[in-house]
Every structure is written in structure tokens, then in C-alpha cells.
Amino acid sequence: MTDRPYKLRLEGLEPARFLSRYWQKKPALYRQILPGFESPLSPEELAGLACEPDVESRLVQGPPEGPWTLSQGPFSESRFADLPERDWTLLVQDVDKHLPALARILDSFDFLPRWRMDDLMISYAVNGGSVGPHVDAYDVFLLQARGTRRWAIDPEPADLSRRDDCELDVLRHFQAREEWLLEPGDMLYLPPGVAHFGLAGPDCMTFSVGLRAPDTAGMISDFSEFVTQQLPEGHRYADPDLELDEAGPRLHPKAIHRLRDLFSTLLERDNEELADWFGRFITEPKPWLRAEPDPGDGSHEALNQALAAGRTPELRSDILAIWREGPDGRPHVFVDGDMEVWDRGCEATLDHLLSRQPFPADFDPGAVGRKLISVWLDKGRLEWTDEND
């Protein structure tokens, strides 16, 4: 695979129409949304990734009717050499974080909120390979990159019970309502809750663009910890309005009312505080994907020379960053779970950097924008790309 950026132009997908008609409403099939598309990654290169210790990978084996077995990576090269000719699938998560050139595929979905983008998962399967019929709790775009895969779906499954004869979270009963055979360049969008069953033809590779959908339990847990950290030391339940009728072994309703009032007061946060918490929460990376700093030269002289030469600073693909306007108009920037507050004047620079879009030829970051670029180069968050990339 080459190291060149690999941005896709999605032919025939009208963002406004897609969001109003399909997004989280119903599946959408796009034929030849990428005419002539060929995977920039070979099956051998994908298998090589699955052998790396810091890469999340899985191997699923089993006939089309099941049951299926699951193995977790990393894998040895000999494991792939011993695989049968059919009925297995290799899945590798977060390929965009490990191969920056492929992060451009996620950039192609820039009609969605940046914080919603999760990862690019790539699967390779031989004839009959499958992970069984299942339901996802998030949106997914399934782009066929090599070979063919037949997708069957049930938009509103009546029975969500799981099989107990295999290691995967597979539906016990699945009834196909629609079926399509996807070829290279075709793409299927599935909203959450749609039961789907993919069955691979020979030499099949599928790119899955997954969207982030933070679960409510996880958000409440993290937000509760955030609230707890804000409490003054020694904060406790109090009942200065205690009355005689509350005496004795019975838990009185008045105590429960006080608890409700206490919790309501503690959890009540204005939108500014809530937004700053959520920005940190939603940019927190998986522990094994936390970026290692690779400091660059952010000096004034080096920065000016690079910009004059038509080079563009670009956010590393393994760093998640978003920003919002704070109450005083200053940008609040969230990077890998941390927050920075910058002076006004760098908003356009942030928009280009965090959307991973190149600067226009006549773009001037301004004093604050240049300072931000310089600091982020020194912290290893940015890397230079040439204009002709």
C-alpha cells in the first residue's frame, strides 16, 4: 500500500437528502458510489496488521449456518497459513489509526459531526465467511472493496434472542426481508437496530465505517465521576428540617424527597459546563490507541518556511480533536480527553486542522493560528503534508 492520502469522492450521495431520508431511519443502498474502486490495502497487508500487538483484531470461523468460533489477535503468521479454504473472516479495528493514509476514507464522510466518527474496520473473508446475523447499536457504512458480499437485512427484527451455541452475539432467529449482492464500489448504509447478515464470496474485503454512539450508562458513569470531583470536601446529606414524625425504623418519604432534591441540585449543570465535560469524554481514546508524542519543529522559522513552500500541517490520524466556542467567544479545544482554551483568531485554523482539510493557497492562519500550529507541532499532534498530496 502506498502512503498517499486516499480520500474518496462519494458519487450520488446527496448529504441533505441522505440525512433527512435515511440517517437513523432506514437502510440505503448506493450502487457504484465509488466507480472502479479498488482496495488500497491487500489481504496480506491486513493480515500483517493483525499480527501486531497494538492492533485489535478478530478471527471468526464457521459455516454459513453456524455455529461460529471467535479468536482474538494478535495472531502469528503460521495461524493464517493453517486456515482452511473457506468459512472464515478476519476483522481488524481502527485501521485508520494505524495506517494514516486510510484515515482519508473517514474524511470522506464530512457531512457528519466529526466527533461521531469512530473507526475504519476492514474485514477480509474467503468464500462462505461470515460473522453471523446480528444487530449493531450504531450506524455503519459498508463499502465493498474487493470481491463480493451478499447482505440480507431485517429492518425490524421481532426476536432479538441470541444463540447459545457460539461465542458471538448472534441472533437465534433471522428472517431476511431484503437482500443485495455488493460488488467493489457499492456501499450499504445501516442505521442502528437493523438485523443484518453478510455472506462473503471468494476473496472478499469490506470497509466498515462505524459511527460513535456512546451508551447512556457509560455517559452517566463518567458524568457522575465528573460531578463527584466538583463536590466540596465533606459534602454530605443534611436534614435541618427534620421532624418528629420521621423518628423510628421506617424510612420516611421526606428523606427520599431530600435525596431527590440533593441529586437534582448536584446533577444540574449549565450547558457550558456540560459541553466541556462532553468534549473531554467523547475525545477520550481507547487506552491502547493513546497517541505517543512525536515532537516536530514548531519554531517560527521552520513554520514560515513550510507554509511558504505550500505545505499543510495535518492532524495525526490517531488523534481525536474537536472544538466549540466558549461563553466568552474563545475556542475550547478538546484533544484526546483534555481541554485547551485558545484566544480568538484561530477558529479558521482549527476548522481546517480538525477536519483534516488542506489550507487554501492564500490562507493566513494569523498570529494565534500560527501559535497553535507551532505548539501542536512541538507536542507531536501535527505532521506536514505536501500540497500535491
Protein backbone atom coordinates (compact mmCIF):
# COMPACT_ATOMS: atom_id res chain seq x y z
CA MET A 1 0.00 0.00 0.00
CA THR A 2 1.24 3.48 -0.78
CA ASP A 3 1.41 6.19 1.88
CA ARG A 4 -0.51 8.71 -0.17
CA PRO A 5 -3.74 10.06 1.29
CA TYR A 6 -6.71 8.10 -0.01
CA LYS A 7 -9.72 10.40 0.07
CA LEU A 8 -12.87 9.12 -1.58
CA ARG A 9 -15.40 11.04 -3.62
CA LEU A 10 -18.80 9.59 -2.88
CA GLU A 11 -20.73 9.75 -6.15
CA GLY A 12 -24.50 10.07 -5.90
CA LEU A 13 -24.77 10.60 -2.15
CA GLU A 14 -26.57 13.89 -1.54
CA PRO A 15 -25.85 14.78 2.12
CA ALA A 16 -29.03 16.77 2.82
CA ARG A 17 -31.25 14.12 1.23
CA PHE A 18 -29.39 11.33 2.99
CA LEU A 19 -29.76 12.93 6.43
CA SER A 20 -33.45 13.73 6.01
CA ARG A 21 -34.50 10.46 4.39
CA TYR A 22 -32.14 7.73 5.62
CA TRP A 23 -29.99 8.73 8.61
CA GLN A 24 -31.14 6.63 11.59
CA LYS A 25 -34.37 5.93 9.72
CA LYS A 26 -33.84 3.19 7.14
CA PRO A 27 -31.11 1.42 5.13
CA ALA A 28 -29.76 2.93 1.93
CA LEU A 29 -28.01 1.10 -0.91
CA TYR A 30 -25.66 3.01 -3.21
CA ARG A 31 -24.58 1.26 -6.38
CA GLN A 32 -21.16 2.30 -7.67
CA ILE A 33 -20.82 5.17 -5.26
CA LEU A 34 -17.10 4.71 -6.00
CA PRO A 35 -16.85 3.60 -9.64
CA GLY A 36 -13.80 1.45 -10.23
CA PHE A 37 -12.85 1.40 -6.57
CA GLU A 38 -10.04 -0.98 -5.62
CA SER A 39 -8.84 -1.63 -2.11
CA PRO A 40 -5.56 0.21 -1.42
CA LEU A 41 -4.78 -2.50 1.13
CA SER A 42 -4.03 -6.10 0.22
CA PRO A 43 -5.25 -9.12 2.23
CA GLU A 44 -1.62 -9.87 3.11
CA GLU A 45 -1.13 -6.36 4.50
CA LEU A 46 -4.31 -6.67 6.56
CA ALA A 47 -3.11 -9.99 7.96
CA GLY A 48 0.21 -8.32 8.79
CA LEU A 49 -1.64 -5.70 10.83
CA ALA A 50 -3.47 -8.45 12.71
CA CYS A 51 -0.10 -9.80 13.84
CA GLU A 52 0.82 -6.52 15.57
CA PRO A 53 0.42 -6.44 19.39
CA ASP A 54 -1.23 -2.99 19.50
CA VAL A 55 -3.84 -3.77 16.84
CA GLU A 56 -7.31 -5.04 17.78
CA SER A 57 -8.20 -7.98 15.54
CA ARG A 58 -10.53 -10.99 15.48
CA LEU A 59 -10.83 -14.20 13.52
CA VAL A 60 -14.27 -15.76 13.07
CA GLN A 61 -14.67 -19.28 11.73
CA GLY A 62 -17.75 -21.33 10.94
CA PRO A 63 -20.06 -22.40 8.10
CA PRO A 64 -22.80 -20.03 6.83
CA GLU A 65 -25.40 -21.69 9.06
CA GLY A 66 -23.13 -21.53 12.13
CA PRO A 67 -22.09 -22.05 14.82
CA TRP A 68 -19.12 -19.70 14.74
CA THR A 69 -15.95 -19.58 16.84
CA LEU A 70 -14.10 -16.42 17.79
CA SER A 71 -10.34 -15.91 18.26
CA GLN A 72 -8.73 -12.66 19.41
CA GLY A 73 -5.48 -11.31 17.97
CA PRO A 74 -2.65 -10.68 17.74
CA PHE A 75 -2.07 -13.70 15.51
CA SER A 76 1.04 -15.47 14.30
CA GLU A 77 1.82 -15.81 10.60
CA SER A 78 1.51 -19.57 10.94
CA ARG A 79 -2.13 -19.17 12.06
CA PHE A 80 -3.07 -17.76 8.67
CA ALA A 81 -1.10 -20.43 6.84
CA ASP A 82 -3.13 -23.12 8.60
CA LEU A 83 -6.57 -21.69 7.81
CA PRO A 84 -8.96 -23.69 5.58
CA GLU A 85 -10.01 -22.62 2.10
CA ARG A 86 -13.44 -21.37 3.15
CA ASP A 87 -15.70 -20.21 6.01
CA TRP A 88 -13.52 -17.72 7.89
CA THR A 89 -13.31 -13.94 8.32
CA LEU A 90 -10.53 -11.69 9.62
CA LEU A 91 -11.60 -8.35 11.12
CA VAL A 92 -9.21 -5.52 12.05
CA GLN A 93 -10.40 -2.46 14.00
CA ASP A 94 -9.11 1.13 13.89
CA VAL A 95 -7.18 0.69 10.65
CA ASP A 96 -7.36 4.47 10.19
CA LYS A 97 -5.31 4.94 13.38
CA HIS A 98 -2.58 2.55 12.25
CA LEU A 99 -2.45 3.46 8.54
CA PRO A 100 -2.83 7.26 8.28
CA ALA A 101 -3.32 7.15 4.50
CA LEU A 102 -6.58 5.28 5.02
CA ALA A 103 -7.85 7.85 7.53
CA ARG A 104 -8.82 9.87 4.47
CA ILE A 105 -11.67 7.44 3.92
CA LEU A 106 -13.27 8.71 7.12
CA ASP A 107 -12.68 12.28 5.95
CA SER A 108 -14.98 11.50 3.01
CA PHE A 109 -17.94 11.45 5.42
CA ASP A 110 -17.51 15.10 6.38
CA PHE A 111 -21.29 15.71 6.22
CA LEU A 112 -21.48 14.11 9.69
CA PRO A 113 -20.26 15.55 13.03
CA ARG A 114 -16.57 14.87 13.45
CA TRP A 115 -16.99 13.50 16.97
CA ARG A 116 -19.39 10.89 15.59
CA MET A 117 -16.67 9.22 13.51
CA ASP A 118 -15.37 6.13 15.28
CA ASP A 119 -13.13 3.98 13.13
CA LEU A 120 -12.47 2.20 9.87
CA MET A 121 -12.76 -1.56 10.34
CA ILE A 122 -11.59 -3.75 7.48
CA SER A 123 -12.58 -7.36 7.09
CA TYR A 124 -11.24 -10.00 4.73
CA ALA A 125 -13.16 -13.21 4.15
CA VAL A 126 -12.92 -16.29 1.98
CA ASN A 127 -15.91 -17.98 0.39
CA GLY A 128 -18.63 -18.57 2.99
CA GLY A 129 -17.04 -16.28 5.57
CA SER A 130 -19.45 -14.57 7.95
CA VAL A 131 -19.86 -13.30 11.50
CA GLY A 132 -23.49 -14.43 11.63
CA PRO A 133 -26.75 -12.46 11.73
CA HIS A 134 -26.55 -9.69 14.31
CA VAL A 135 -27.71 -6.23 15.31
CA ASP A 136 -25.43 -3.20 15.86
CA ALA A 137 -26.19 -0.34 18.23
CA TYR A 138 -24.57 2.20 15.92
CA ASP A 139 -24.71 3.44 12.33
CA VAL A 140 -22.40 1.81 9.82
CA PHE A 141 -21.43 2.31 6.19
CA LEU A 142 -20.39 -0.95 4.50
CA LEU A 143 -18.20 -0.30 1.47
CA GLN A 144 -17.33 -3.26 -0.72
CA ALA A 145 -13.66 -3.03 -1.64
CA ARG A 146 -12.82 -6.42 -3.11
CA GLY A 147 -14.78 -9.49 -4.24
CA THR A 148 -18.46 -9.70 -3.37
CA ARG A 149 -20.58 -9.96 -0.26
CA ARG A 150 -24.29 -10.76 -0.07
CA TRP A 151 -26.13 -8.76 2.57
CA ALA A 152 -29.51 -9.80 3.93
CA ILE A 153 -31.36 -7.49 6.33
CA ASP A 154 -34.39 -7.39 8.58
CA PRO A 155 -35.09 -3.70 9.41
CA GLU A 156 -37.36 -4.50 12.36
CA PRO A 157 -36.44 -7.88 13.87
CA ALA A 158 -39.16 -9.23 16.13
CA ASP A 159 -36.93 -11.66 18.02
CA LEU A 160 -33.64 -10.38 19.44
CA SER A 161 -32.78 -13.51 21.43
CA ARG A 162 -29.21 -14.81 20.96
CA ARG A 163 -27.87 -18.21 20.07
CA ASP A 164 -26.17 -20.07 22.91
CA ASP A 165 -24.11 -22.44 20.77
CA CYS A 166 -21.40 -19.99 19.69
CA GLU A 167 -19.10 -17.33 21.08
CA LEU A 168 -20.50 -14.42 19.11
CA ASP A 169 -23.53 -12.25 19.84
CA VAL A 170 -25.57 -13.86 17.06
CA LEU A 171 -29.35 -13.79 16.61
CA ARG A 172 -31.16 -17.05 17.28
CA HIS A 173 -33.74 -16.34 14.58
CA PHE A 174 -33.18 -14.24 11.46
CA GLN A 175 -35.58 -13.70 8.59
CA ALA A 176 -34.28 -11.87 5.54
CA ARG A 177 -36.63 -9.13 4.30
CA GLU A 178 -34.28 -7.74 1.63
CA GLU A 179 -31.08 -9.00 0.01
CA TRP A 180 -28.39 -7.40 -2.14
CA LEU A 181 -25.13 -8.58 -3.67
CA LEU A 182 -22.49 -5.86 -3.26
CA GLU A 183 -19.59 -5.54 -5.68
CA PRO A 184 -16.49 -3.31 -5.43
CA GLY A 185 -17.60 0.31 -5.36
CA ASP A 186 -21.05 -0.43 -3.85
CA MET A 187 -21.99 0.77 -0.36
CA LEU A 188 -24.75 -0.10 2.10
CA TYR A 189 -25.77 2.17 4.97
CA LEU A 190 -27.43 0.59 8.00
CA PRO A 191 -28.93 2.54 10.92
CA PRO A 192 -28.86 1.12 14.46
CA GLY A 193 -31.13 -1.81 15.23
CA VAL A 194 -31.25 -3.31 11.73
CA ALA A 195 -30.52 -7.03 11.78
CA HIS A 196 -28.04 -7.92 9.05
CA PHE A 197 -26.25 -11.00 7.80
CA GLY A 198 -23.29 -10.76 5.43
CA LEU A 199 -22.04 -13.77 3.50
CA ALA A 200 -18.76 -13.46 1.61
CA GLY A 201 -17.92 -14.65 -1.85
CA PRO A 202 -14.31 -15.61 -2.69
CA ASP A 203 -11.59 -13.07 -1.89
CA CYS A 204 -13.93 -10.59 -0.17
CA MET A 205 -12.87 -7.37 1.52
CA THR A 206 -15.28 -4.92 3.15
CA PHE A 207 -14.51 -1.50 4.63
CA SER A 208 -16.83 -0.66 7.54
CA VAL A 209 -17.07 2.98 8.61
CA GLY A 210 -18.52 2.86 12.13
CA LEU A 211 -20.12 5.81 13.89
CA ARG A 212 -19.74 6.55 17.58
CA ALA A 213 -22.88 6.12 19.68
CA PRO A 214 -21.86 6.49 23.35
CA ASP A 215 -24.06 4.35 25.57
CA THR A 216 -26.13 6.13 28.20
CA ALA A 217 -24.79 4.01 31.08
CA GLY A 218 -21.20 4.91 30.19
CA MET A 219 -22.02 8.61 29.91
CA ILE A 220 -23.89 8.66 33.23
CA SER A 221 -21.00 6.86 34.94
CA ASP A 222 -18.42 9.30 33.58
CA PHE A 223 -20.60 12.33 34.26
CA SER A 224 -21.23 11.15 37.84
CA GLU A 225 -17.47 10.91 38.37
CA PHE A 226 -17.10 14.41 36.94
CA VAL A 227 -19.77 15.76 39.31
CA THR A 228 -18.18 13.95 42.25
CA GLN A 229 -14.85 15.63 41.55
CA GLN A 230 -16.55 19.05 41.73
CA LEU A 231 -18.03 18.47 45.21
CA PRO A 232 -16.54 20.36 48.14
CA GLU A 233 -14.77 18.22 50.70
CA GLY A 234 -17.08 16.79 53.33
CA HIS A 235 -20.27 17.34 51.35
CA ARG A 236 -22.98 15.19 52.97
CA TYR A 237 -26.69 14.56 53.27
CA ALA A 238 -28.35 17.09 55.61
CA ASP A 239 -31.83 17.39 57.14
CA PRO A 240 -32.18 20.66 59.10
CA ASP A 241 -35.95 20.39 58.52
CA LEU A 242 -36.15 17.04 60.36
CA GLU A 243 -39.49 16.49 62.12
CA LEU A 244 -40.64 14.15 64.88
CA ASP A 245 -42.80 12.03 62.59
CA GLU A 246 -39.61 10.81 60.86
CA ALA A 247 -38.36 9.06 64.02
CA GLY A 248 -38.20 5.30 64.25
CA PRO A 249 -37.15 2.42 61.96
CA ARG A 250 -39.30 3.43 58.99
CA LEU A 251 -37.62 5.14 56.01
CA HIS A 252 -39.73 8.25 55.74
CA PRO A 253 -40.78 9.72 52.34
CA LYS A 254 -39.37 13.10 53.44
CA ALA A 255 -35.86 11.61 53.43
CA ILE A 256 -36.36 10.40 49.89
CA HIS A 257 -37.58 13.85 48.84
CA ARG A 258 -34.40 15.36 50.31
CA LEU A 259 -32.30 12.84 48.37
CA ARG A 260 -34.10 13.69 45.14
CA ASP A 261 -33.56 17.41 45.71
CA LEU A 262 -29.90 16.81 46.58
CA PHE A 263 -29.21 14.73 43.47
CA SER A 264 -31.14 17.12 41.24
CA THR A 265 -29.08 20.03 42.52
CA LEU A 266 -25.78 18.20 42.08
CA LEU A 267 -26.56 16.95 38.58
CA GLU A 268 -27.92 20.24 37.34
CA ARG A 269 -25.22 21.80 35.18
CA ASP A 270 -25.47 24.64 32.71
CA ASN A 271 -24.84 23.95 29.04
CA GLU A 272 -21.32 25.38 29.14
CA GLU A 273 -20.15 23.01 31.88
CA LEU A 274 -21.98 20.09 30.24
CA ALA A 275 -20.36 20.86 26.88
CA ASP A 276 -16.86 20.96 28.37
CA TRP A 277 -17.44 17.64 30.11
CA PHE A 278 -18.78 16.03 26.95
CA GLY A 279 -15.90 17.34 24.83
CA ARG A 280 -13.41 15.65 27.13
CA PHE A 281 -15.50 12.48 27.37
CA ILE A 282 -16.10 11.98 23.67
CA THR A 283 -12.46 12.54 22.66
CA GLU A 284 -11.03 10.12 25.21
CA PRO A 285 -9.22 7.45 23.15
CA LYS A 286 -9.14 3.74 23.83
CA PRO A 287 -6.20 3.15 26.20
CA TRP A 288 -4.23 1.12 23.66
CA LEU A 289 -4.74 3.81 21.00
CA ARG A 290 -3.49 6.79 23.00
CA ALA A 291 -1.07 8.59 20.71
CA GLU A 292 2.63 8.61 21.53
CA PRO A 293 4.11 12.12 21.13
CA ASP A 294 6.45 12.58 18.18
CA PRO A 295 7.59 16.20 18.61
CA GLY A 296 8.22 18.20 15.48
CA ASP A 297 9.90 21.54 14.81
CA GLY A 298 7.41 24.24 15.69
CA SER A 299 9.88 27.10 15.57
CA HIS A 300 8.82 30.36 13.96
CA GLU A 301 11.37 29.98 11.17
CA ALA A 302 10.51 26.37 10.34
CA LEU A 303 6.79 27.14 10.37
CA ASN A 304 7.12 30.07 7.98
CA GLN A 305 9.33 28.10 5.59
CA ALA A 306 6.92 25.16 5.48
CA LEU A 307 3.85 27.31 4.90
CA ALA A 308 5.66 29.32 2.21
CA ALA A 309 6.57 26.07 0.46
CA GLY A 310 2.87 25.16 0.19
CA ARG A 311 2.96 22.50 2.87
CA THR A 312 -0.06 21.94 5.13
CA PRO A 313 0.00 20.92 8.79
CA GLU A 314 -2.34 17.98 9.31
CA LEU A 315 -3.77 16.42 12.45
CA ARG A 316 -2.38 12.93 13.03
CA SER A 317 -4.93 10.25 12.24
CA ASP A 318 -4.58 8.67 15.70
CA ILE A 319 -5.59 11.87 17.49
CA LEU A 320 -9.23 12.85 18.03
CA ALA A 321 -9.92 16.55 18.44
CA ILE A 322 -12.98 18.79 18.27
CA TRP A 323 -13.71 22.35 19.36
CA ARG A 324 -16.53 24.63 20.42
CA GLU A 325 -16.99 28.31 21.12
CA GLY A 326 -16.82 29.07 24.83
CA PRO A 327 -19.03 31.58 26.69
CA ASP A 328 -16.54 34.40 26.13
CA GLY A 329 -16.08 33.53 22.46
CA ARG A 330 -12.74 31.81 22.93
CA PRO A 331 -12.31 28.35 21.39
CA HIS A 332 -12.45 25.43 23.79
CA VAL A 333 -10.44 22.65 22.14
CA PHE A 334 -10.72 19.02 23.21
CA VAL A 335 -7.81 16.72 22.34
CA ASP A 336 -7.63 13.08 23.45
CA GLY A 337 -9.68 13.72 26.58
CA ASP A 338 -8.06 17.04 27.56
CA MET A 339 -9.28 20.62 27.09
CA GLU A 340 -7.35 23.70 25.98
CA VAL A 341 -8.67 27.26 25.78
CA TRP A 342 -7.24 29.41 23.00
CA ASP A 343 -7.59 33.10 22.17
CA ARG A 344 -9.89 34.23 19.41
CA GLY A 345 -8.42 34.34 15.94
CA CYS A 346 -7.60 30.66 15.42
CA GLU A 347 -11.12 29.43 14.58
CA ALA A 348 -10.49 29.04 10.84
CA THR A 349 -7.19 27.28 11.54
CA LEU A 350 -8.97 24.87 13.90
CA ASP A 351 -11.66 24.14 11.31
CA HIS A 352 -9.04 23.18 8.72
CA LEU A 353 -6.87 21.19 11.11
CA LEU A 354 -9.61 19.26 12.89
CA SER A 355 -11.46 18.43 9.68
CA ARG A 356 -8.09 17.43 8.17
CA GLN A 357 -8.62 19.74 5.20
CA PRO A 358 -5.65 21.42 3.48
CA PHE A 359 -5.20 25.15 3.80
CA PRO A 360 -6.23 27.18 0.71
CA ALA A 361 -3.30 28.62 -1.21
CA ASP A 362 -3.95 32.14 0.13
CA PHE A 363 -4.80 31.10 3.69
CA ASP A 364 -3.17 33.08 6.52
CA PRO A 365 -3.51 31.42 9.95
CA GLY A 366 -2.87 34.73 11.69
CA ALA A 367 -0.86 35.20 14.87
CA VAL A 368 -3.00 32.98 17.09
CA GLY A 369 -3.35 30.30 14.42
CA ARG A 370 0.40 30.23 13.90
CA LYS A 371 0.97 29.90 17.63
CA LEU A 372 -1.50 27.00 17.79
CA ILE A 373 0.23 25.23 14.89
CA SER A 374 3.62 25.80 16.49
CA VAL A 375 2.54 24.43 19.88
CA TRP A 376 0.83 21.42 18.34
CA LEU A 377 3.87 20.64 16.19
CA ASP A 378 6.03 20.71 19.30
CA LYS A 379 3.54 18.36 21.02
CA GLY A 380 3.62 15.95 18.08
CA ARG A 381 -0.06 16.34 17.21
CA LEU A 382 0.55 17.61 13.68
CA GLU A 383 2.60 16.44 10.74
CA TRP A 384 3.41 18.17 7.49
CA THR A 385 1.94 17.14 4.16
CA ASP A 386 2.90 18.48 0.77
CA GLU A 387 0.39 20.49 -1.25
CA ASN A 388 0.44 17.95 -4.10
CA ASP A 389 -0.59 15.11 -1.73
